[in-house]
Amino acid sequence: MPKTASLQILAPVSLQVVLDRLRAYAFNSSHFVWMLSDFTFVQSTTGWIFALEKKWGVTLVALEPLPPYPYFLDQDFFQALDELHFSVQGALAFVAIGPTFAKLLAQASYSNLQIGKEPWVHLSSFQPTGKKSRGLRAAKKRALLNGIKVEQWNLNDILRKPELKKQVDALHQSWVTNTFVSLQGFLLAT
């Protein structure tokens, strides 16, 4: 780790900056769940954005941090990781990361403990079309036949309309109260 005199505390980042970065460089399909969470977002001097939550005495980092550009240098990430350690001053754990990022963390002497596996969803496949959407259409049809109201909202509408955000938050809170352990915002299934 470099000398602490050369390290800086990570700077807070606004939700708009995070959303812009998500739209440009998100590579994990779960990244968009960040926008429905209560994470603290911080940015390193090398431009990496981290989503943090303190839980059980540990600073949890949700997913892989967002890089400042699509192709990054490992040394820029390692500088950002050093700044993160300097800023949080305590135990640090990355949650719900992919195998490529796990290898990068291993180079920084992190250990990896797999406790589950989330199905991978490519961002380009997030809104199903054609034959891919048959299951979604069938589920909607079944719900409608059973008298359930079905609505589909996109993230921009949810963020722009407070009444939609309030409904999503209420649904999410209902799910959380029935869950023993909840790592909100760490997984696409959150």
N, C-alpha and C. Protein backbone atom coordinates (compact mmCIF):
# COMPACT_ATOMS: atom_id res chain seq x y z
N MET A 1 0.86 -1.18 0.00
CA MET A 1 0.00 0.00 0.00
C MET A 1 0.89 1.24 0.00
N PRO A 2 0.58 2.26 -0.81
CA PRO A 2 1.38 3.47 -0.84
C PRO A 2 1.34 4.21 0.50
N LYS A 3 2.23 5.17 0.64
CA LYS A 3 2.24 5.99 1.86
C LYS A 3 0.91 6.71 2.00
N THR A 4 0.40 6.76 3.22
CA THR A 4 -0.91 7.38 3.44
C THR A 4 -0.91 8.86 3.11
N ALA A 5 0.24 9.51 3.15
CA ALA A 5 0.29 10.94 2.83
C ALA A 5 -0.12 11.20 1.39
N SER A 6 0.10 10.22 0.49
CA SER A 6 -0.24 10.42 -0.92
C SER A 6 -1.69 10.01 -1.23
N LEU A 7 -2.37 9.39 -0.27
CA LEU A 7 -3.74 8.94 -0.50
C LEU A 7 -4.73 10.03 -0.12
N GLN A 8 -5.86 10.03 -0.81
CA GLN A 8 -6.92 10.99 -0.51
C GLN A 8 -8.19 10.26 -0.12
N ILE A 9 -9.01 10.94 0.68
CA ILE A 9 -10.32 10.40 1.03
C ILE A 9 -11.19 10.42 -0.22
N LEU A 10 -11.97 9.37 -0.43
CA LEU A 10 -12.85 9.31 -1.59
C LEU A 10 -13.92 10.38 -1.50
N ALA A 11 -14.22 11.00 -2.64
CA ALA A 11 -15.20 12.09 -2.69
C ALA A 11 -16.60 11.54 -2.92
N PRO A 12 -17.62 12.10 -2.23
CA PRO A 12 -19.01 11.68 -2.48
C PRO A 12 -19.41 12.02 -3.92
N VAL A 13 -20.33 11.22 -4.47
CA VAL A 13 -20.78 11.40 -5.85
C VAL A 13 -22.31 11.48 -5.85
N SER A 14 -22.85 12.34 -6.70
CA SER A 14 -24.31 12.50 -6.78
C SER A 14 -24.93 11.32 -7.54
N LEU A 15 -26.22 11.12 -7.32
CA LEU A 15 -26.95 10.06 -8.03
C LEU A 15 -26.93 10.29 -9.54
N GLN A 16 -26.96 11.55 -9.97
CA GLN A 16 -26.96 11.84 -11.40
C GLN A 16 -25.64 11.40 -12.04
N VAL A 17 -24.52 11.64 -11.36
CA VAL A 17 -23.22 11.20 -11.88
C VAL A 17 -23.18 9.68 -11.97
N VAL A 18 -23.71 9.01 -10.93
CA VAL A 18 -23.76 7.54 -10.93
C VAL A 18 -24.62 7.04 -12.08
N LEU A 19 -25.80 7.63 -12.27
CA LEU A 19 -26.69 7.21 -13.35
C LEU A 19 -26.03 7.41 -14.71
N ASP A 20 -25.37 8.54 -14.91
CA ASP A 20 -24.67 8.79 -16.18
C ASP A 20 -23.59 7.74 -16.42
N ARG A 21 -22.85 7.40 -15.38
CA ARG A 21 -21.79 6.40 -15.51
C ARG A 21 -22.39 5.01 -15.76
N LEU A 22 -23.49 4.71 -15.08
CA LEU A 22 -24.17 3.42 -15.32
C LEU A 22 -24.57 3.29 -16.78
N ARG A 23 -25.15 4.34 -17.31
CA ARG A 23 -25.60 4.30 -18.70
C ARG A 23 -24.42 4.11 -19.66
N ALA A 24 -23.29 4.67 -19.31
CA ALA A 24 -22.14 4.61 -20.21
C ALA A 24 -21.32 3.33 -20.05
N TYR A 25 -21.06 2.90 -18.82
CA TYR A 25 -20.06 1.86 -18.61
C TYR A 25 -20.48 0.69 -17.73
N ALA A 26 -21.74 0.57 -17.35
CA ALA A 26 -22.15 -0.56 -16.50
C ALA A 26 -21.90 -1.86 -17.25
N PHE A 27 -21.28 -2.82 -16.58
CA PHE A 27 -21.01 -4.10 -17.22
C PHE A 27 -21.60 -5.27 -16.45
N ASN A 28 -22.17 -5.01 -15.30
CA ASN A 28 -22.84 -6.05 -14.51
C ASN A 28 -24.33 -5.72 -14.55
N SER A 29 -25.15 -6.68 -14.94
CA SER A 29 -26.58 -6.42 -15.08
C SER A 29 -27.23 -5.96 -13.77
N SER A 30 -26.59 -6.23 -12.66
CA SER A 30 -27.14 -5.82 -11.36
C SER A 30 -26.84 -4.36 -11.02
N HIS A 31 -25.94 -3.71 -11.76
CA HIS A 31 -25.57 -2.34 -11.42
C HIS A 31 -26.77 -1.40 -11.30
N PHE A 32 -27.79 -1.60 -12.12
CA PHE A 32 -28.92 -0.67 -12.10
C PHE A 32 -29.73 -0.77 -10.81
N VAL A 33 -29.57 -1.86 -10.06
CA VAL A 33 -30.25 -1.98 -8.76
C VAL A 33 -29.68 -0.95 -7.79
N TRP A 34 -28.47 -0.47 -8.05
CA TRP A 34 -27.88 0.59 -7.21
C TRP A 34 -28.85 1.75 -7.05
N MET A 35 -29.57 2.09 -8.12
CA MET A 35 -30.42 3.27 -8.10
C MET A 35 -31.63 3.11 -7.18
N LEU A 36 -31.93 1.89 -6.78
CA LEU A 36 -33.06 1.63 -5.89
C LEU A 36 -32.60 1.42 -4.46
N SER A 37 -31.32 1.63 -4.21
CA SER A 37 -30.75 1.36 -2.89
C SER A 37 -30.43 2.65 -2.15
N ASP A 38 -29.96 2.49 -0.93
CA ASP A 38 -29.54 3.64 -0.13
C ASP A 38 -28.03 3.66 0.05
N PHE A 39 -27.30 3.30 -0.98
CA PHE A 39 -25.85 3.27 -0.89
C PHE A 39 -25.26 4.67 -0.79
N THR A 40 -24.06 4.71 -0.24
CA THR A 40 -23.24 5.91 -0.32
C THR A 40 -22.34 5.71 -1.53
N PHE A 41 -22.34 6.66 -2.45
CA PHE A 41 -21.51 6.56 -3.65
C PHE A 41 -20.31 7.47 -3.50
N VAL A 42 -19.13 6.92 -3.77
CA VAL A 42 -17.89 7.70 -3.67
C VAL A 42 -17.05 7.45 -4.91
N GLN A 43 -16.17 8.42 -5.20
CA GLN A 43 -15.32 8.32 -6.39
C GLN A 43 -13.87 8.53 -6.01
N SER A 44 -12.99 7.72 -6.61
CA SER A 44 -11.56 7.84 -6.35
C SER A 44 -10.95 8.93 -7.23
N THR A 45 -9.71 9.28 -6.95
CA THR A 45 -9.03 10.28 -7.78
C THR A 45 -8.77 9.75 -9.19
N THR A 46 -8.77 8.43 -9.36
CA THR A 46 -8.60 7.84 -10.69
C THR A 46 -9.94 7.62 -11.39
N GLY A 47 -11.05 8.05 -10.76
CA GLY A 47 -12.35 8.04 -11.42
C GLY A 47 -13.25 6.85 -11.16
N TRP A 48 -12.82 5.89 -10.35
CA TRP A 48 -13.65 4.72 -10.06
C TRP A 48 -14.77 5.11 -9.09
N ILE A 49 -15.99 4.63 -9.35
CA ILE A 49 -17.13 4.89 -8.46
C ILE A 49 -17.47 3.61 -7.71
N PHE A 50 -17.53 3.73 -6.38
CA PHE A 50 -17.86 2.61 -5.50
C PHE A 50 -19.22 2.87 -4.85
N ALA A 51 -20.01 1.80 -4.64
CA ALA A 51 -21.27 1.86 -3.89
C ALA A 51 -21.02 1.16 -2.56
N LEU A 52 -21.17 1.91 -1.46
CA LEU A 52 -20.81 1.40 -0.14
C LEU A 52 -22.00 1.35 0.81
N GLU A 53 -21.95 0.37 1.71
CA GLU A 53 -22.91 0.30 2.80
C GLU A 53 -22.20 -0.34 3.99
N LYS A 54 -22.36 0.26 5.15
CA LYS A 54 -21.78 -0.29 6.38
C LYS A 54 -22.81 -1.23 7.00
N LYS A 55 -22.42 -2.49 7.19
CA LYS A 55 -23.33 -3.48 7.75
C LYS A 55 -22.52 -4.49 8.55
N TRP A 56 -23.00 -4.82 9.73
CA TRP A 56 -22.35 -5.81 10.60
C TRP A 56 -20.90 -5.44 10.91
N GLY A 57 -20.60 -4.14 10.97
CA GLY A 57 -19.25 -3.68 11.28
C GLY A 57 -18.27 -3.77 10.12
N VAL A 58 -18.78 -4.03 8.93
CA VAL A 58 -17.93 -4.18 7.74
C VAL A 58 -18.44 -3.21 6.67
N THR A 59 -17.52 -2.59 5.93
CA THR A 59 -17.94 -1.78 4.79
C THR A 59 -18.10 -2.73 3.61
N LEU A 60 -19.34 -2.84 3.13
CA LEU A 60 -19.64 -3.70 2.00
C LEU A 60 -19.61 -2.86 0.73
N VAL A 61 -18.93 -3.37 -0.29
CA VAL A 61 -18.87 -2.71 -1.59
C VAL A 61 -19.78 -3.52 -2.51
N ALA A 62 -20.80 -2.87 -3.04
CA ALA A 62 -21.77 -3.55 -3.89
C ALA A 62 -21.21 -3.74 -5.30
N LEU A 63 -21.10 -4.98 -5.69
CA LEU A 63 -20.68 -5.34 -7.04
C LEU A 63 -19.29 -4.79 -7.36
N GLU A 64 -18.96 -4.79 -8.64
CA GLU A 64 -17.72 -4.20 -9.09
C GLU A 64 -17.90 -2.68 -9.13
N PRO A 65 -16.86 -1.92 -8.78
CA PRO A 65 -16.99 -0.47 -8.94
C PRO A 65 -17.07 -0.12 -10.42
N LEU A 66 -17.63 1.04 -10.71
CA LEU A 66 -17.74 1.48 -12.11
C LEU A 66 -16.45 2.16 -12.53
N PRO A 67 -15.86 1.74 -13.65
CA PRO A 67 -14.63 2.36 -14.11
C PRO A 67 -14.91 3.74 -14.72
N PRO A 68 -13.86 4.56 -14.84
CA PRO A 68 -14.05 5.89 -15.43
C PRO A 68 -14.20 5.87 -16.94
N TYR A 69 -13.84 4.76 -17.57
CA TYR A 69 -13.93 4.61 -19.02
C TYR A 69 -13.96 3.11 -19.32
N PRO A 70 -14.36 2.72 -20.54
CA PRO A 70 -14.58 1.29 -20.79
C PRO A 70 -13.33 0.42 -20.64
N TYR A 71 -12.18 0.93 -20.99
CA TYR A 71 -10.94 0.15 -20.86
C TYR A 71 -10.08 0.84 -19.83
N PHE A 72 -9.76 0.14 -18.76
CA PHE A 72 -9.05 0.77 -17.66
C PHE A 72 -7.72 0.07 -17.43
N LEU A 73 -6.84 0.77 -16.74
CA LEU A 73 -5.55 0.20 -16.37
C LEU A 73 -5.65 -0.36 -14.96
N ASP A 74 -5.07 -1.53 -14.77
CA ASP A 74 -5.12 -2.16 -13.45
C ASP A 74 -4.54 -1.25 -12.37
N GLN A 75 -3.45 -0.53 -12.70
CA GLN A 75 -2.83 0.32 -11.67
C GLN A 75 -3.76 1.44 -11.23
N ASP A 76 -4.63 1.93 -12.12
CA ASP A 76 -5.63 2.93 -11.73
C ASP A 76 -6.62 2.34 -10.73
N PHE A 77 -7.01 1.09 -10.98
CA PHE A 77 -7.92 0.43 -10.04
C PHE A 77 -7.23 0.21 -8.69
N PHE A 78 -5.98 -0.23 -8.71
CA PHE A 78 -5.27 -0.50 -7.45
C PHE A 78 -5.08 0.80 -6.65
N GLN A 79 -4.86 1.92 -7.33
CA GLN A 79 -4.79 3.21 -6.66
C GLN A 79 -6.15 3.53 -6.01
N ALA A 80 -7.23 3.29 -6.75
CA ALA A 80 -8.58 3.52 -6.21
C ALA A 80 -8.85 2.61 -5.01
N LEU A 81 -8.40 1.38 -5.08
CA LEU A 81 -8.58 0.43 -3.98
C LEU A 81 -7.81 0.89 -2.74
N ASP A 82 -6.60 1.39 -2.94
CA ASP A 82 -5.82 1.93 -1.81
C ASP A 82 -6.55 3.12 -1.18
N GLU A 83 -7.10 4.01 -2.01
CA GLU A 83 -7.86 5.15 -1.48
C GLU A 83 -9.10 4.68 -0.72
N LEU A 84 -9.74 3.63 -1.23
CA LEU A 84 -10.92 3.08 -0.55
C LEU A 84 -10.54 2.56 0.83
N HIS A 85 -9.45 1.79 0.92
CA HIS A 85 -8.98 1.29 2.22
C HIS A 85 -8.67 2.44 3.17
N PHE A 86 -8.01 3.46 2.66
CA PHE A 86 -7.64 4.62 3.47
C PHE A 86 -8.89 5.34 3.97
N SER A 87 -9.92 5.41 3.12
CA SER A 87 -11.15 6.14 3.46
C SER A 87 -12.02 5.41 4.48
N VAL A 88 -12.15 4.10 4.34
CA VAL A 88 -13.08 3.38 5.22
C VAL A 88 -12.44 2.94 6.53
N GLN A 89 -11.13 2.77 6.55
CA GLN A 89 -10.41 2.44 7.79
C GLN A 89 -11.04 1.28 8.54
N GLY A 90 -11.10 0.14 7.95
CA GLY A 90 -11.65 -1.03 8.62
C GLY A 90 -11.88 -2.16 7.65
N ALA A 91 -12.62 -3.16 8.10
CA ALA A 91 -12.90 -4.33 7.27
C ALA A 91 -13.69 -3.93 6.03
N LEU A 92 -13.34 -4.56 4.92
CA LEU A 92 -13.90 -4.23 3.61
C LEU A 92 -14.22 -5.54 2.89
N ALA A 93 -15.41 -5.63 2.30
CA ALA A 93 -15.79 -6.83 1.55
C ALA A 93 -16.54 -6.43 0.29
N PHE A 94 -16.17 -7.05 -0.83
CA PHE A 94 -16.88 -6.86 -2.08
C PHE A 94 -17.95 -7.95 -2.17
N VAL A 95 -19.18 -7.57 -2.51
CA VAL A 95 -20.30 -8.51 -2.54
C VAL A 95 -20.85 -8.59 -3.96
N ALA A 96 -21.13 -9.82 -4.40
CA ALA A 96 -21.78 -10.09 -5.70
C ALA A 96 -20.92 -9.62 -6.87
N ILE A 97 -19.70 -10.11 -6.91
CA ILE A 97 -18.79 -9.75 -8.00
C ILE A 97 -18.66 -10.91 -8.98
N GLY A 98 -18.22 -10.59 -10.18
CA GLY A 98 -18.01 -11.61 -11.20
C GLY A 98 -16.62 -12.19 -11.14
N PRO A 99 -16.39 -13.30 -11.86
CA PRO A 99 -15.10 -13.99 -11.81
C PRO A 99 -13.93 -13.16 -12.33
N THR A 100 -14.15 -12.32 -13.33
CA THR A 100 -13.06 -11.49 -13.86
C THR A 100 -12.59 -10.49 -12.81
N PHE A 101 -13.55 -9.85 -12.14
CA PHE A 101 -13.20 -8.88 -11.10
C PHE A 101 -12.58 -9.59 -9.90
N ALA A 102 -13.03 -10.81 -9.60
CA ALA A 102 -12.46 -11.58 -8.48
C ALA A 102 -10.97 -11.83 -8.72
N LYS A 103 -10.60 -12.09 -9.97
CA LYS A 103 -9.18 -12.30 -10.31
C LYS A 103 -8.38 -11.01 -10.08
N LEU A 104 -8.97 -9.88 -10.43
CA LEU A 104 -8.30 -8.60 -10.22
C LEU A 104 -8.10 -8.34 -8.72
N LEU A 105 -9.13 -8.64 -7.92
CA LEU A 105 -9.00 -8.48 -6.47
C LEU A 105 -7.97 -9.45 -5.89
N ALA A 106 -7.86 -10.64 -6.47
CA ALA A 106 -6.87 -11.61 -5.99
C ALA A 106 -5.46 -11.05 -6.15
N GLN A 107 -5.24 -10.25 -7.18
CA GLN A 107 -3.93 -9.61 -7.37
C GLN A 107 -3.63 -8.61 -6.26
N ALA A 108 -4.68 -8.14 -5.59
CA ALA A 108 -4.53 -7.20 -4.47
C ALA A 108 -4.61 -7.94 -3.13
N SER A 109 -4.38 -9.26 -3.16
CA SER A 109 -4.35 -10.12 -1.96
C SER A 109 -5.71 -10.33 -1.30
N TYR A 110 -6.79 -10.19 -2.05
CA TYR A 110 -8.12 -10.51 -1.54
C TYR A 110 -8.38 -12.00 -1.73
N SER A 111 -9.16 -12.57 -0.82
CA SER A 111 -9.63 -13.95 -0.96
C SER A 111 -11.05 -13.90 -1.48
N ASN A 112 -11.47 -14.98 -2.12
CA ASN A 112 -12.80 -15.04 -2.71
C ASN A 112 -13.57 -16.18 -2.08
N LEU A 113 -14.77 -15.91 -1.63
CA LEU A 113 -15.65 -16.92 -1.05
C LEU A 113 -16.97 -16.87 -1.79
N GLN A 114 -17.23 -17.90 -2.59
CA GLN A 114 -18.49 -17.94 -3.34
C GLN A 114 -19.56 -18.57 -2.47
N ILE A 115 -20.65 -17.82 -2.25
CA ILE A 115 -21.73 -18.33 -1.40
C ILE A 115 -23.03 -18.51 -2.19
N GLY A 116 -22.98 -18.26 -3.47
CA GLY A 116 -24.16 -18.42 -4.31
C GLY A 116 -23.81 -18.00 -5.72
N LYS A 117 -24.76 -18.14 -6.61
CA LYS A 117 -24.51 -17.75 -7.98
C LYS A 117 -25.78 -17.16 -8.56
N GLU A 118 -25.66 -15.95 -9.08
CA GLU A 118 -26.79 -15.27 -9.69
C GLU A 118 -26.74 -15.52 -11.19
N PRO A 119 -27.87 -15.75 -11.83
CA PRO A 119 -27.84 -15.92 -13.28
C PRO A 119 -27.40 -14.63 -13.96
N TRP A 120 -26.56 -14.74 -14.94
CA TRP A 120 -26.04 -13.58 -15.66
C TRP A 120 -27.07 -13.09 -16.66
N VAL A 121 -27.30 -11.79 -16.70
CA VAL A 121 -28.21 -11.19 -17.67
C VAL A 121 -27.43 -10.10 -18.39
N HIS A 122 -27.26 -10.24 -19.70
CA HIS A 122 -26.59 -9.20 -20.47
C HIS A 122 -27.50 -7.98 -20.55
N LEU A 123 -26.93 -6.80 -20.40
CA LEU A 123 -27.74 -5.58 -20.39
C LEU A 123 -28.54 -5.43 -21.69
N SER A 124 -27.97 -5.90 -22.81
CA SER A 124 -28.68 -5.80 -24.08
C SER A 124 -29.91 -6.71 -24.11
N SER A 125 -29.94 -7.70 -23.23
CA SER A 125 -31.06 -8.64 -23.19
C SER A 125 -32.05 -8.31 -22.08
N PHE A 126 -31.85 -7.18 -21.42
CA PHE A 126 -32.66 -6.85 -20.25
C PHE A 126 -34.14 -6.71 -20.62
N GLN A 127 -34.43 -6.06 -21.73
CA GLN A 127 -35.81 -5.95 -22.19
C GLN A 127 -36.01 -7.02 -23.27
N PRO A 128 -36.66 -8.13 -22.94
CA PRO A 128 -36.79 -9.21 -23.90
C PRO A 128 -37.63 -8.81 -25.11
N THR A 129 -37.23 -9.32 -26.27
CA THR A 129 -37.97 -9.07 -27.50
C THR A 129 -38.12 -10.39 -28.25
N GLY A 130 -39.07 -10.45 -29.17
CA GLY A 130 -39.25 -11.65 -29.98
C GLY A 130 -39.52 -12.88 -29.14
N LYS A 131 -38.89 -14.01 -29.51
CA LYS A 131 -39.10 -15.27 -28.80
C LYS A 131 -38.65 -15.20 -27.35
N LYS A 132 -37.64 -14.37 -27.08
CA LYS A 132 -37.13 -14.25 -25.70
C LYS A 132 -38.20 -13.73 -24.75
N SER A 133 -39.15 -12.96 -25.27
CA SER A 133 -40.14 -12.34 -24.38
C SER A 133 -41.38 -13.21 -24.20
N ARG A 134 -41.39 -14.41 -24.78
CA ARG A 134 -42.56 -15.29 -24.64
C ARG A 134 -42.90 -15.56 -23.19
N GLY A 135 -41.87 -15.89 -22.39
CA GLY A 135 -42.10 -16.19 -20.97
C GLY A 135 -42.67 -15.00 -20.23
N LEU A 136 -42.14 -13.81 -20.53
CA LEU A 136 -42.63 -12.59 -19.90
C LEU A 136 -44.08 -12.33 -20.30
N ARG A 137 -44.35 -12.47 -21.59
CA ARG A 137 -45.73 -12.26 -22.06
C ARG A 137 -46.68 -13.29 -21.45
N ALA A 138 -46.22 -14.54 -21.34
CA ALA A 138 -47.07 -15.59 -20.75
C ALA A 138 -47.36 -15.28 -19.28
N ALA A 139 -46.34 -14.81 -18.55
CA ALA A 139 -46.53 -14.48 -17.13
C ALA A 139 -47.50 -13.31 -16.98
N LYS A 140 -47.36 -12.30 -17.85
CA LYS A 140 -48.28 -11.16 -17.80
C LYS A 140 -49.71 -11.61 -18.11
N LYS A 141 -49.84 -12.48 -19.12
CA LYS A 141 -51.17 -12.96 -19.50
C LYS A 141 -51.81 -13.75 -18.36
N ARG A 142 -51.03 -14.63 -17.72
CA ARG A 142 -51.54 -15.40 -16.58
C ARG A 142 -51.99 -14.48 -15.46
N ALA A 143 -51.17 -13.46 -15.18
CA ALA A 143 -51.52 -12.50 -14.12
C ALA A 143 -52.83 -11.78 -14.46
N LEU A 144 -52.96 -11.33 -15.70
CA LEU A 144 -54.17 -10.62 -16.12
C LEU A 144 -55.40 -11.53 -16.03
N LEU A 145 -55.24 -12.80 -16.43
CA LEU A 145 -56.35 -13.74 -16.36
C LEU A 145 -56.79 -13.99 -14.92
N ASN A 146 -55.86 -13.83 -13.99
CA ASN A 146 -56.17 -14.00 -12.57
C ASN A 146 -56.58 -12.70 -11.89
N GLY A 147 -56.83 -11.67 -12.70
CA GLY A 147 -57.33 -10.42 -12.16
C GLY A 147 -56.27 -9.52 -11.54
N ILE A 148 -55.01 -9.75 -11.86
CA ILE A 148 -53.93 -8.93 -11.31
C ILE A 148 -53.59 -7.83 -12.30
N LYS A 149 -53.48 -6.62 -11.79
CA LYS A 149 -53.11 -5.48 -12.63
C LYS A 149 -51.61 -5.55 -12.93
N VAL A 150 -51.23 -5.41 -14.19
CA VAL A 150 -49.83 -5.50 -14.60
C VAL A 150 -49.40 -4.18 -15.20
N GLU A 151 -48.30 -3.63 -14.69
CA GLU A 151 -47.72 -2.41 -15.25
C GLU A 151 -46.22 -2.63 -15.44
N GLN A 152 -45.68 -2.02 -16.46
CA GLN A 152 -44.24 -2.13 -16.71
C GLN A 152 -43.68 -0.71 -16.80
N TRP A 153 -42.67 -0.42 -15.97
CA TRP A 153 -42.07 0.91 -15.94
C TRP A 153 -40.59 0.79 -16.26
N ASN A 154 -40.05 1.82 -16.91
CA ASN A 154 -38.60 1.83 -17.11
C ASN A 154 -37.95 2.68 -16.03
N LEU A 155 -36.64 2.54 -15.88
CA LEU A 155 -35.91 3.20 -14.80
C LEU A 155 -36.06 4.72 -14.87
N ASN A 156 -36.03 5.30 -16.06
CA ASN A 156 -36.16 6.75 -16.19
C ASN A 156 -37.48 7.24 -15.62
N ASP A 157 -38.57 6.51 -15.91
CA ASP A 157 -39.88 6.90 -15.38
C ASP A 157 -39.90 6.81 -13.86
N ILE A 158 -39.31 5.75 -13.32
CA ILE A 158 -39.29 5.57 -11.86
C ILE A 158 -38.51 6.70 -11.20
N LEU A 159 -37.39 7.08 -11.77
CA LEU A 159 -36.57 8.14 -11.18
C LEU A 159 -37.20 9.52 -11.34
N ARG A 160 -37.96 9.71 -12.42
CA ARG A 160 -38.55 11.01 -12.71
C ARG A 160 -39.87 11.24 -11.98
N LYS A 161 -40.60 10.17 -11.70
CA LYS A 161 -41.93 10.30 -11.11
C LYS A 161 -41.92 9.79 -9.67
N PRO A 162 -42.01 10.71 -8.70
CA PRO A 162 -41.94 10.32 -7.29
C PRO A 162 -42.99 9.28 -6.89
N GLU A 163 -44.19 9.34 -7.50
CA GLU A 163 -45.23 8.37 -7.12
C GLU A 163 -44.85 6.95 -7.53
N LEU A 164 -44.16 6.79 -8.67
CA LEU A 164 -43.71 5.46 -9.08
C LEU A 164 -42.59 4.97 -8.16
N LYS A 165 -41.66 5.86 -7.85
CA LYS A 165 -40.55 5.50 -6.95
C LYS A 165 -41.10 5.07 -5.60
N LYS A 166 -42.13 5.77 -5.12
CA LYS A 166 -42.74 5.43 -3.82
C LYS A 166 -43.35 4.02 -3.88
N GLN A 167 -44.00 3.68 -5.00
CA GLN A 167 -44.60 2.35 -5.14
C GLN A 167 -43.53 1.26 -5.19
N VAL A 168 -42.45 1.51 -5.94
CA VAL A 168 -41.35 0.54 -6.01
C VAL A 168 -40.73 0.36 -4.64
N ASP A 169 -40.51 1.47 -3.93
CA ASP A 169 -39.94 1.39 -2.58
C ASP A 169 -40.85 0.60 -1.64
N ALA A 170 -42.17 0.79 -1.74
CA ALA A 170 -43.11 0.06 -0.88
C ALA A 170 -43.08 -1.44 -1.19
N LEU A 171 -43.04 -1.79 -2.47
CA LEU A 171 -42.94 -3.21 -2.85
C LEU A 171 -41.64 -3.81 -2.33
N HIS A 172 -40.57 -3.06 -2.49
CA HIS A 172 -39.26 -3.53 -2.04
C HIS A 172 -39.25 -3.69 -0.52
N GLN A 173 -39.80 -2.74 0.19
CA GLN A 173 -39.84 -2.81 1.66
C GLN A 173 -40.67 -4.01 2.11
N SER A 174 -41.75 -4.30 1.41
CA SER A 174 -42.57 -5.47 1.73
C SER A 174 -41.75 -6.75 1.58
N TRP A 175 -40.95 -6.81 0.53
CA TRP A 175 -40.08 -7.98 0.32
C TRP A 175 -39.02 -8.06 1.41
N VAL A 176 -38.42 -6.93 1.76
CA VAL A 176 -37.34 -6.91 2.76
C VAL A 176 -37.84 -7.39 4.12
N THR A 177 -39.05 -6.99 4.50
CA THR A 177 -39.56 -7.38 5.82
C THR A 177 -39.81 -8.88 5.93
N ASN A 178 -39.92 -9.56 4.81
CA ASN A 178 -40.12 -11.01 4.81
C ASN A 178 -38.84 -11.77 4.51
N THR A 179 -37.70 -11.10 4.55
CA THR A 179 -36.43 -11.72 4.21
C THR A 179 -35.53 -11.71 5.44
N PHE A 180 -34.91 -12.86 5.73
CA PHE A 180 -34.05 -12.97 6.91
C PHE A 180 -32.79 -12.11 6.77
N VAL A 181 -32.06 -12.28 5.68
CA VAL A 181 -30.86 -11.48 5.42
C VAL A 181 -31.08 -10.76 4.10
N SER A 182 -30.91 -9.46 4.11
CA SER A 182 -31.11 -8.68 2.90
C SER A 182 -29.88 -7.85 2.61
N LEU A 183 -29.31 -8.04 1.44
CA LEU A 183 -28.22 -7.19 0.97
C LEU A 183 -28.80 -6.33 -0.14
N GLN A 184 -29.59 -5.35 0.25
CA GLN A 184 -30.31 -4.52 -0.70
C GLN A 184 -29.37 -3.85 -1.68
N GLY A 185 -29.71 -3.96 -2.97
CA GLY A 185 -28.94 -3.29 -3.99
C GLY A 185 -27.71 -4.04 -4.45
N PHE A 186 -27.44 -5.20 -3.87
CA PHE A 186 -26.24 -5.94 -4.24
C PHE A 186 -26.50 -6.91 -5.38
N LEU A 187 -27.74 -7.29 -5.60
CA LEU A 187 -28.06 -8.28 -6.61
C LEU A 187 -29.22 -7.81 -7.47
N LEU A 188 -29.27 -8.31 -8.69
CA LEU A 188 -30.36 -7.97 -9.60
C LEU A 188 -31.70 -8.41 -9.02
N ALA A 189 -31.68 -9.49 -8.24
CA ALA A 189 -32.92 -10.03 -7.67
C ALA A 189 -33.42 -9.23 -6.48
N THR A 190 -32.69 -8.19 -6.05
CA THR A 190 -33.08 -7.42 -4.88
C THR A 190 -34.43 -6.77 -5.10
